[in-house]
Amino acid sequence: SADFFGKVKPDISIYGNAAEMLCMDPAEVMMVACHAQDLDAARTAGFRTAYVNRPLEYGPDRPPEAKPDPYDYDADNFIELAQMLRADKAAGNV
């Protein structure tokens, strides 16, 4: 949680602090989210990124948001993301 660092997303320093806390290089970490601003900040910090569509995130009466910039993965749900990650691992891409 960004609260752990006393900051709010999308403050880029949060992502670097999180990777450091995990003893990992930012390139070894993936941000999975449905919010473009969080994914953009994570990508800027060096994280891999996965956009997961959540059409009802803000309720059924709100029109869908425009598709964000391309990320490393773009999935319609978490099952599809898992399948993508599994396929990349099998192909030696992860």
PDB file of N, CA and C in Angstrom:
ATOM      1  N   SER A   1       0.831  -1.182   0.000  1.00  0.00           N
ATOM      2  CA  SER A   1       0.000   0.000   0.000  1.00  0.00           C
ATOM      3  C   SER A   1       0.877   1.248   0.000  1.00  0.00           C
ATOM      4  N   ALA A   2       0.463   2.240  -0.749  1.00  0.00           N
ATOM      5  CA  ALA A   2       1.183   3.510  -0.784  1.00  0.00           C
ATOM      6  C   ALA A   2       1.221   4.143   0.604  1.00  0.00           C
ATOM      7  N   ASP A   3       0.216   3.868   1.431  1.00  0.00           N
ATOM      8  CA  ASP A   3       0.175   4.407   2.796  1.00  0.00           C
ATOM      9  C   ASP A   3       1.402   3.995   3.598  1.00  0.00           C
ATOM     10  N   PHE A   4       1.930   2.822   3.303  1.00  0.00           N
ATOM     11  CA  PHE A   4       3.104   2.319   4.017  1.00  0.00           C
ATOM     12  C   PHE A   4       4.273   3.290   3.881  1.00  0.00           C
ATOM     13  N   PHE A   5       4.338   3.983   2.741  1.00  0.00           N
ATOM     14  CA  PHE A   5       5.427   4.918   2.474  1.00  0.00           C
ATOM     15  C   PHE A   5       5.029   6.365   2.758  1.00  0.00           C
ATOM     16  N   GLY A   6       3.796   6.570   3.249  1.00  0.00           N
ATOM     17  CA  GLY A   6       3.331   7.911   3.562  1.00  0.00           C
ATOM     18  C   GLY A   6       3.111   8.775   2.330  1.00  0.00           C
ATOM     19  N   LYS A   7       2.780   8.128   1.221  1.00  0.00           N
ATOM     20  CA  LYS A   7       2.572   8.847  -0.032  1.00  0.00           C
ATOM     21  C   LYS A   7       1.315   8.322  -0.698  1.00  0.00           C
ATOM     22  N   VAL A   8       0.933   8.942  -1.799  1.00  0.00           N
ATOM     23  CA  VAL A   8      -0.227   8.472  -2.554  1.00  0.00           C
ATOM     24  C   VAL A   8       0.195   8.184  -3.994  1.00  0.00           C
ATOM     25  N   LYS A   9      -0.448   7.164  -4.577  1.00  0.00           N
ATOM     26  CA  LYS A   9      -0.189   6.872  -5.984  1.00  0.00           C
ATOM     27  C   LYS A   9      -0.775   8.013  -6.809  1.00  0.00           C
ATOM     28  N   PRO A  10      -0.157   8.359  -7.892  1.00  0.00           N
ATOM     29  CA  PRO A  10       0.927   7.685  -8.592  1.00  0.00           C
ATOM     30  C   PRO A  10       2.321   8.259  -8.329  1.00  0.00           C
ATOM     31  N   ASP A  11       2.650   8.659  -7.118  1.00  0.00           N
ATOM     32  CA  ASP A  11       4.000   9.128  -6.788  1.00  0.00           C
ATOM     33  C   ASP A  11       4.999   8.034  -7.185  1.00  0.00           C
ATOM     34  N   ILE A  12       5.876   8.342  -8.116  1.00  0.00           N
ATOM     35  CA  ILE A  12       6.781   7.338  -8.686  1.00  0.00           C
ATOM     36  C   ILE A  12       7.708   6.733  -7.636  1.00  0.00           C
ATOM     37  N   SER A  13       8.061   7.481  -6.608  1.00  0.00           N
ATOM     38  CA  SER A  13       8.979   6.944  -5.599  1.00  0.00           C
ATOM     39  C   SER A  13       8.398   5.732  -4.875  1.00  0.00           C
ATOM     40  N   ILE A  14       7.084   5.626  -4.823  1.00  0.00           N
ATOM     41  CA  ILE A  14       6.439   4.480  -4.169  1.00  0.00           C
ATOM     42  C   ILE A  14       6.882   3.178  -4.817  1.00  0.00           C
ATOM     43  N   TYR A  15       6.945   3.179  -6.143  1.00  0.00           N
ATOM     44  CA  TYR A  15       7.269   1.956  -6.865  1.00  0.00           C
ATOM     45  C   TYR A  15       8.716   1.538  -6.621  1.00  0.00           C
ATOM     46  N   GLY A  16       9.619   2.492  -6.648  1.00  0.00           N
ATOM     47  CA  GLY A  16      11.017   2.186  -6.344  1.00  0.00           C
ATOM     48  C   GLY A  16      11.179   1.686  -4.922  1.00  0.00           C
ATOM     49  N   ASN A  17      10.472   2.315  -3.982  1.00  0.00           N
ATOM     50  CA  ASN A  17      10.530   1.873  -2.585  1.00  0.00           C
ATOM     51  C   ASN A  17       9.987   0.461  -2.430  1.00  0.00           C
ATOM     52  N   ALA A  18       8.912   0.148  -3.142  1.00  0.00           N
ATOM     53  CA  ALA A  18       8.321  -1.192  -3.053  1.00  0.00           C
ATOM     54  C   ALA A  18       9.284  -2.240  -3.590  1.00  0.00           C
ATOM     55  N   ALA A  19       9.912  -1.968  -4.725  1.00  0.00           N
ATOM     56  CA  ALA A  19      10.875  -2.919  -5.294  1.00  0.00           C
ATOM     57  C   ALA A  19      12.050  -3.115  -4.342  1.00  0.00           C
ATOM     58  N   GLU A  20      12.521  -2.030  -3.765  1.00  0.00           N
ATOM     59  CA  GLU A  20      13.638  -2.113  -2.815  1.00  0.00           C
ATOM     60  C   GLU A  20      13.248  -2.943  -1.595  1.00  0.00           C
ATOM     61  N   MET A  21      12.045  -2.732  -1.096  1.00  0.00           N
ATOM     62  CA  MET A  21      11.570  -3.486   0.065  1.00  0.00           C
ATOM     63  C   MET A  21      11.508  -4.986  -0.235  1.00  0.00           C
ATOM     64  N   LEU A  22      11.221  -5.334  -1.486  1.00  0.00           N
ATOM     65  CA  LEU A  22      11.166  -6.735  -1.902  1.00  0.00           C
ATOM     66  C   LEU A  22      12.541  -7.282  -2.293  1.00  0.00           C
ATOM     67  N   CYS A  23      13.567  -6.422  -2.215  1.00  0.00           N
ATOM     68  CA  CYS A  23      14.928  -6.791  -2.638  1.00  0.00           C
ATOM     69  C   CYS A  23      14.934  -7.230  -4.100  1.00  0.00           C
ATOM     70  N   MET A  24      14.213  -6.482  -4.918  1.00  0.00           N
ATOM     71  CA  MET A  24      14.116  -6.802  -6.338  1.00  0.00           C
ATOM     72  C   MET A  24      14.417  -5.562  -7.165  1.00  0.00           C
ATOM     73  N   ASP A  25      14.896  -5.800  -8.361  1.00  0.00           N
ATOM     74  CA  ASP A  25      15.065  -4.737  -9.329  1.00  0.00           C
ATOM     75  C   ASP A  25      13.675  -4.372  -9.855  1.00  0.00           C
ATOM     76  N   PRO A  26      13.386  -3.092 -10.105  1.00  0.00           N
ATOM     77  CA  PRO A  26      12.060  -2.743 -10.616  1.00  0.00           C
ATOM     78  C   PRO A  26      11.641  -3.546 -11.852  1.00  0.00           C
ATOM     79  N   ALA A  27      12.585  -3.914 -12.713  1.00  0.00           N
ATOM     80  CA  ALA A  27      12.256  -4.686 -13.920  1.00  0.00           C
ATOM     81  C   ALA A  27      11.767  -6.091 -13.595  1.00  0.00           C
ATOM     82  N   GLU A  28      11.967  -6.530 -12.351  1.00  0.00           N
ATOM     83  CA  GLU A  28      11.512  -7.859 -11.930  1.00  0.00           C
ATOM     84  C   GLU A  28      10.107  -7.829 -11.329  1.00  0.00           C
ATOM     85  N   VAL A  29       9.520  -6.639 -11.235  1.00  0.00           N
ATOM     86  CA  VAL A  29       8.224  -6.467 -10.582  1.00  0.00           C
ATOM     87  C   VAL A  29       7.186  -6.051 -11.631  1.00  0.00           C
ATOM     88  N   MET A  30       5.957  -6.506 -11.447  1.00  0.00           N
ATOM     89  CA  MET A  30       4.881  -6.132 -12.365  1.00  0.00           C
ATOM     90  C   MET A  30       3.751  -5.459 -11.592  1.00  0.00           C
ATOM     91  N   MET A  31       3.297  -4.337 -12.113  1.00  0.00           N
ATOM     92  CA  MET A  31       2.122  -3.657 -11.580  1.00  0.00           C
ATOM     93  C   MET A  31       0.929  -4.123 -12.394  1.00  0.00           C
ATOM     94  N   VAL A  32      -0.083  -4.634 -11.721  1.00  0.00           N
ATOM     95  CA  VAL A  32      -1.316  -5.072 -12.365  1.00  0.00           C
ATOM     96  C   VAL A  32      -2.422  -4.158 -11.858  1.00  0.00           C
ATOM     97  N   ALA A  33      -3.098  -3.482 -12.775  1.00  0.00           N
ATOM     98  CA  ALA A  33      -4.124  -2.520 -12.363  1.00  0.00           C
ATOM     99  C   ALA A  33      -5.071  -2.225 -13.517  1.00  0.00           C
ATOM    100  N   CYS A  34      -6.127  -1.494 -13.183  1.00  0.00           N
ATOM    101  CA  CYS A  34      -7.065  -1.048 -14.218  1.00  0.00           C
ATOM    102  C   CYS A  34      -7.029   0.468 -14.361  1.00  0.00           C
ATOM    103  N   HIS A  35      -6.118   1.111 -13.662  1.00  0.00           N
ATOM    104  CA  HIS A  35      -6.024   2.566 -13.694  1.00  0.00           C
ATOM    105  C   HIS A  35      -4.762   2.987 -14.443  1.00  0.00           C
ATOM    106  N   ALA A  36      -4.955   3.716 -15.530  1.00  0.00           N
ATOM    107  CA  ALA A  36      -3.836   4.120 -16.375  1.00  0.00           C
ATOM    108  C   ALA A  36      -2.788   4.917 -15.609  1.00  0.00           C
ATOM    109  N   GLN A  37      -3.201   5.818 -14.723  1.00  0.00           N
ATOM    110  CA  GLN A  37      -2.207   6.651 -14.030  1.00  0.00           C
ATOM    111  C   GLN A  37      -1.290   5.808 -13.154  1.00  0.00           C
ATOM    112  N   ASP A  38      -1.806   4.768 -12.530  1.00  0.00           N
ATOM    113  CA  ASP A  38      -0.964   3.892 -11.711  1.00  0.00           C
ATOM    114  C   ASP A  38      -0.008   3.090 -12.587  1.00  0.00           C
ATOM    115  N   LEU A  39      -0.516   2.587 -13.704  1.00  0.00           N
ATOM    116  CA  LEU A  39       0.323   1.805 -14.613  1.00  0.00           C
ATOM    117  C   LEU A  39       1.396   2.675 -15.259  1.00  0.00           C
ATOM    118  N   ASP A  40       1.044   3.891 -15.630  1.00  0.00           N
ATOM    119  CA  ASP A  40       2.022   4.791 -16.240  1.00  0.00           C
ATOM    120  C   ASP A  40       3.149   5.112 -15.262  1.00  0.00           C
ATOM    121  N   ALA A  41       2.804   5.372 -14.009  1.00  0.00           N
ATOM    122  CA  ALA A  41       3.826   5.666 -13.002  1.00  0.00           C
ATOM    123  C   ALA A  41       4.714   4.448 -12.766  1.00  0.00           C
ATOM    124  N   ALA A  42       4.110   3.276 -12.679  1.00  0.00           N
ATOM    125  CA  ALA A  42       4.889   2.050 -12.472  1.00  0.00           C
ATOM    126  C   ALA A  42       5.827   1.802 -13.646  1.00  0.00           C
ATOM    127  N   ARG A  43       5.337   2.020 -14.854  1.00  0.00           N
ATOM    128  CA  ARG A  43       6.177   1.831 -16.049  1.00  0.00           C
ATOM    129  C   ARG A  43       7.339   2.821 -16.032  1.00  0.00           C
ATOM    130  N   THR A  44       7.072   4.066 -15.654  1.00  0.00           N
ATOM    131  CA  THR A  44       8.128   5.072 -15.566  1.00  0.00           C
ATOM    132  C   THR A  44       9.185   4.668 -14.545  1.00  0.00           C
ATOM    133  N   ALA A  45       8.760   3.983 -13.481  1.00  0.00           N
ATOM    134  CA  ALA A  45       9.685   3.517 -12.445  1.00  0.00           C
ATOM    135  C   ALA A  45      10.428   2.250 -12.860  1.00  0.00           C
ATOM    136  N   GLY A  46      10.104   1.695 -14.027  1.00  0.00           N
ATOM    137  CA  GLY A  46      10.815   0.521 -14.521  1.00  0.00           C
ATOM    138  C   GLY A  46      10.104  -0.797 -14.340  1.00  0.00           C
ATOM    139  N   PHE A  47       8.882  -0.761 -13.800  1.00  0.00           N
ATOM    140  CA  PHE A  47       8.113  -1.993 -13.619  1.00  0.00           C
ATOM    141  C   PHE A  47       7.559  -2.473 -14.957  1.00  0.00           C
ATOM    142  N   ARG A  48       7.328  -3.772 -15.053  1.00  0.00           N
ATOM    143  CA  ARG A  48       6.514  -4.300 -16.135  1.00  0.00           C
ATOM    144  C   ARG A  48       5.067  -3.993 -15.750  1.00  0.00           C
ATOM    145  N   THR A  49       4.182  -3.949 -16.733  1.00  0.00           N
ATOM    146  CA  THR A  49       2.810  -3.539 -16.445  1.00  0.00           C
ATOM    147  C   THR A  49       1.792  -4.456 -17.104  1.00  0.00           C
ATOM    148  N   ALA A  50       0.665  -4.614 -16.425  1.00  0.00           N
ATOM    149  CA  ALA A  50      -0.447  -5.394 -16.963  1.00  0.00           C
ATOM    150  C   ALA A  50      -1.742  -4.642 -16.679  1.00  0.00           C
ATOM    151  N   TYR A  51      -2.434  -4.313 -17.744  1.00  0.00           N
ATOM    152  CA  TYR A  51      -3.740  -3.678 -17.632  1.00  0.00           C
ATOM    153  C   TYR A  51      -4.796  -4.774 -17.625  1.00  0.00           C
ATOM    154  N   VAL A  52      -5.670  -4.754 -16.621  1.00  0.00           N
ATOM    155  CA  VAL A  52      -6.791  -5.690 -16.567  1.00  0.00           C
ATOM    156  C   VAL A  52      -8.071  -4.861 -16.585  1.00  0.00           C
ATOM    157  N   ASN A  53      -8.864  -5.078 -17.604  1.00  0.00           N
ATOM    158  CA  ASN A  53     -10.107  -4.336 -17.772  1.00  0.00           C
ATOM    159  C   ASN A  53     -11.084  -4.652 -16.639  1.00  0.00           C
ATOM    160  N   ARG A  54     -11.673  -3.625 -16.076  1.00  0.00           N
ATOM    161  CA  ARG A  54     -12.713  -3.789 -15.055  1.00  0.00           C
ATOM    162  C   ARG A  54     -13.843  -2.841 -15.419  1.00  0.00           C
ATOM    163  N   PRO A  55     -14.725  -3.264 -16.314  1.00  0.00           N
ATOM    164  CA  PRO A  55     -15.746  -2.361 -16.847  1.00  0.00           C
ATOM    165  C   PRO A  55     -16.715  -1.810 -15.809  1.00  0.00           C
ATOM    166  N   LEU A  56     -16.875  -2.473 -14.689  1.00  0.00           N
ATOM    167  CA  LEU A  56     -17.807  -1.987 -13.665  1.00  0.00           C
ATOM    168  C   LEU A  56     -17.085  -1.343 -12.481  1.00  0.00           C
ATOM    169  N   GLU A  57     -15.832  -0.987 -12.667  1.00  0.00           N
ATOM    170  CA  GLU A  57     -15.016  -0.402 -11.597  1.00  0.00           C
ATOM    171  C   GLU A  57     -15.718   0.769 -10.912  1.00  0.00           C
ATOM    172  N   TYR A  58     -16.394   1.595 -11.682  1.00  0.00           N
ATOM    173  CA  TYR A  58     -17.051   2.776 -11.121  1.00  0.00           C
ATOM    174  C   TYR A  58     -18.565   2.686 -11.214  1.00  0.00           C
ATOM    175  N   GLY A  59     -19.089   1.476 -11.361  1.00  0.00           N
ATOM    176  CA  GLY A  59     -20.530   1.275 -11.407  1.00  0.00           C
ATOM    177  C   GLY A  59     -21.042   1.078 -12.823  1.00  0.00           C
ATOM    178  N   PRO A  60     -22.246   0.530 -12.928  1.00  0.00           N
ATOM    179  CA  PRO A  60     -22.789   0.185 -14.244  1.00  0.00           C
ATOM    180  C   PRO A  60     -23.248   1.382 -15.076  1.00  0.00           C
ATOM    181  N   ASP A  61     -23.444   2.541 -14.452  1.00  0.00           N
ATOM    182  CA  ASP A  61     -23.972   3.695 -15.183  1.00  0.00           C
ATOM    183  C   ASP A  61     -22.889   4.574 -15.802  1.00  0.00           C
ATOM    184  N   ARG A  62     -21.646   4.290 -15.488  1.00  0.00           N
ATOM    185  CA  ARG A  62     -20.561   5.105 -16.028  1.00  0.00           C
ATOM    186  C   ARG A  62     -20.093   4.510 -17.357  1.00  0.00           C
ATOM    187  N   PRO A  63     -19.919   5.353 -18.377  1.00  0.00           N
ATOM    188  CA  PRO A  63     -19.447   4.823 -19.660  1.00  0.00           C
ATOM    189  C   PRO A  63     -18.020   4.289 -19.523  1.00  0.00           C
ATOM    190  N   PRO A  64     -17.652   3.313 -20.338  1.00  0.00           N
ATOM    191  CA  PRO A  64     -16.301   2.757 -20.242  1.00  0.00           C
ATOM    192  C   PRO A  64     -15.249   3.805 -20.571  1.00  0.00           C
ATOM    193  N   GLU A  65     -14.115   3.704 -19.895  1.00  0.00           N
ATOM    194  CA  GLU A  65     -13.013   4.621 -20.160  1.00  0.00           C
ATOM    195  C   GLU A  65     -12.328   4.216 -21.457  1.00  0.00           C
ATOM    196  N   ALA A  66     -11.643   5.167 -22.062  1.00  0.00           N
ATOM    197  CA  ALA A  66     -10.875   4.865 -23.270  1.00  0.00           C
ATOM    198  C   ALA A  66      -9.767   3.880 -22.925  1.00  0.00           C
ATOM    199  N   LYS A  67      -9.431   3.041 -23.860  1.00  0.00           N
ATOM    200  CA  LYS A  67      -8.364   2.062 -23.652  1.00  0.00           C
ATOM    201  C   LYS A  67      -7.062   2.811 -23.411  1.00  0.00           C
ATOM    202  N   PRO A  68      -6.331   2.479 -22.340  1.00  0.00           N
ATOM    203  CA  PRO A  68      -5.085   3.192 -22.043  1.00  0.00           C
ATOM    204  C   PRO A  68      -3.965   2.800 -23.006  1.00  0.00           C
ATOM    205  N   ASP A  69      -2.848   3.500 -22.861  1.00  0.00           N
ATOM    206  CA  ASP A  69      -1.663   3.192 -23.673  1.00  0.00           C
ATOM    207  C   ASP A  69      -1.314   1.717 -23.555  1.00  0.00           C
ATOM    208  N   PRO A  70      -0.631   1.196 -24.556  1.00  0.00           N
ATOM    209  CA  PRO A  70      -0.257  -0.221 -24.480  1.00  0.00           C
ATOM    210  C   PRO A  70       0.684  -0.499 -23.303  1.00  0.00           C
ATOM    211  N   TYR A  71       0.434  -1.604 -22.666  1.00  0.00           N
ATOM    212  CA  TYR A  71       1.273  -2.067 -21.565  1.00  0.00           C
ATOM    213  C   TYR A  71       1.839  -3.429 -21.937  1.00  0.00           C
ATOM    214  N   ASP A  72       2.629  -4.016 -21.071  1.00  0.00           N
ATOM    215  CA  ASP A  72       3.222  -5.321 -21.378  1.00  0.00           C
ATOM    216  C   ASP A  72       2.145  -6.373 -21.601  1.00  0.00           C
ATOM    217  N   TYR A  73       1.077  -6.276 -20.837  1.00  0.00           N
ATOM    218  CA  TYR A  73      -0.054  -7.198 -20.984  1.00  0.00           C
ATOM    219  C   TYR A  73      -1.340  -6.387 -20.943  1.00  0.00           C
ATOM    220  N   ASP A  74      -2.318  -6.816 -21.707  1.00  0.00           N
ATOM    221  CA  ASP A  74      -3.627  -6.167 -21.755  1.00  0.00           C
ATOM    222  C   ASP A  74      -4.659  -7.287 -21.733  1.00  0.00           C
ATOM    223  N   ALA A  75      -5.335  -7.456 -20.608  1.00  0.00           N
ATOM    224  CA  ALA A  75      -6.246  -8.588 -20.435  1.00  0.00           C
ATOM    225  C   ALA A  75      -7.647  -8.113 -20.080  1.00  0.00           C
ATOM    226  N   ASP A  76      -8.619  -8.923 -20.445  1.00  0.00           N
ATOM    227  CA  ASP A  76     -10.009  -8.618 -20.109  1.00  0.00           C
ATOM    228  C   ASP A  76     -10.375  -9.053 -18.697  1.00  0.00           C
ATOM    229  N   ASN A  77      -9.566  -9.951 -18.110  1.00  0.00           N
ATOM    230  CA  ASN A  77      -9.829 -10.427 -16.748  1.00  0.00           C
ATOM    231  C   ASN A  77      -8.567 -11.106 -16.217  1.00  0.00           C
ATOM    232  N   PHE A  78      -8.593 -11.485 -14.955  1.00  0.00           N
ATOM    233  CA  PHE A  78      -7.402 -12.059 -14.330  1.00  0.00           C
ATOM    234  C   PHE A  78      -7.096 -13.466 -14.838  1.00  0.00           C
ATOM    235  N   ILE A  79      -8.102 -14.193 -15.243  1.00  0.00           N
ATOM    236  CA  ILE A  79      -7.864 -15.525 -15.813  1.00  0.00           C
ATOM    237  C   ILE A  79      -7.099 -15.385 -17.124  1.00  0.00           C
ATOM    238  N   GLU A  80      -7.519 -14.447 -17.952  1.00  0.00           N
ATOM    239  CA  GLU A  80      -6.811 -14.221 -19.217  1.00  0.00           C
ATOM    240  C   GLU A  80      -5.374 -13.773 -18.961  1.00  0.00           C
ATOM    241  N   LEU A  81      -5.154 -12.908 -17.971  1.00  0.00           N
ATOM    242  CA  LEU A  81      -3.795 -12.481 -17.639  1.00  0.00           C
ATOM    243  C   LEU A  81      -2.956 -13.679 -17.212  1.00  0.00           C
ATOM    244  N   ALA A  82      -3.511 -14.542 -16.375  1.00  0.00           N
ATOM    245  CA  ALA A  82      -2.776 -15.735 -15.938  1.00  0.00           C
ATOM    246  C   ALA A  82      -2.402 -16.605 -17.132  1.00  0.00           C
ATOM    247  N   GLN A  83      -3.303 -16.746 -18.082  1.00  0.00           N
ATOM    248  CA  GLN A  83      -3.018 -17.537 -19.282  1.00  0.00           C
ATOM    249  C   GLN A  83      -1.902 -16.898 -20.104  1.00  0.00           C
ATOM    250  N   MET A  84      -1.911 -15.586 -20.208  1.00  0.00           N
ATOM    251  CA  MET A  84      -0.855 -14.878 -20.938  1.00  0.00           C
ATOM    252  C   MET A  84       0.498 -15.077 -20.266  1.00  0.00           C
ATOM    253  N   LEU A  85       0.518 -14.948 -18.941  1.00  0.00           N
ATOM    254  CA  LEU A  85       1.766 -15.120 -18.198  1.00  0.00           C
ATOM    255  C   LEU A  85       2.280 -16.548 -18.323  1.00  0.00           C
ATOM    256  N   ARG A  86       1.378 -17.509 -18.242  1.00  0.00           N
ATOM    257  CA  ARG A  86       1.756 -18.917 -18.378  1.00  0.00           C
ATOM    258  C   ARG A  86       2.344 -19.182 -19.764  1.00  0.00           C
ATOM    259  N   ALA A  87       1.714 -18.635 -20.797  1.00  0.00           N
ATOM    260  CA  ALA A  87       2.203 -18.823 -22.167  1.00  0.00           C
ATOM    261  C   ALA A  87       3.583 -18.191 -22.345  1.00  0.00           C
ATOM    262  N   ASP A  88       3.785 -16.997 -21.792  1.00  0.00           N
ATOM    263  CA  ASP A  88       5.094 -16.354 -21.889  1.00  0.00           C
ATOM    264  C   ASP A  88       6.159 -17.146 -21.144  1.00  0.00           C
ATOM    265  N   LYS A  89       5.804 -17.688 -19.987  1.00  0.00           N
ATOM    266  CA  LYS A  89       6.762 -18.497 -19.231  1.00  0.00           C
ATOM    267  C   LYS A  89       7.137 -19.750 -20.015  1.00  0.00           C
ATOM    268  N   ALA A  90       6.148 -20.413 -20.609  1.00  0.00           N
ATOM    269  CA  ALA A  90       6.408 -21.624 -21.395  1.00  0.00           C
ATOM    270  C   ALA A  90       7.293 -21.316 -22.603  1.00  0.00           C
ATOM    271  N   ALA A  91       7.143 -20.114 -23.156  1.00  0.00           N
ATOM    272  CA  ALA A  91       7.942 -19.713 -24.311  1.00  0.00           C
ATOM    273  C   ALA A  91       9.310 -19.158 -23.906  1.00  0.00           C
ATOM    274  N   GLY A  92       9.555 -19.068 -22.595  1.00  0.00           N
ATOM    275  CA  GLY A  92      10.828 -18.546 -22.107  1.00  0.00           C
ATOM    276  C   GLY A  92      10.926 -17.035 -22.137  1.00  0.00           C
ATOM    277  N   ASN A  93       9.794 -16.365 -22.211  1.00  0.00           N
ATOM    278  CA  ASN A  93       9.786 -14.900 -22.284  1.00  0.00           C
ATOM    279  C   ASN A  93       9.700 -14.216 -20.929  1.00  0.00           C
ATOM    280  N   VAL A  94       9.525 -14.963 -19.874  1.00  0.00           N
ATOM    281  CA  VAL A  94       9.385 -14.354 -18.547  1.00  0.00           C
ATOM    282  C   VAL A  94      10.557 -14.760 -17.687  1.00  0.00           C
TER     283      VAL A  94
END
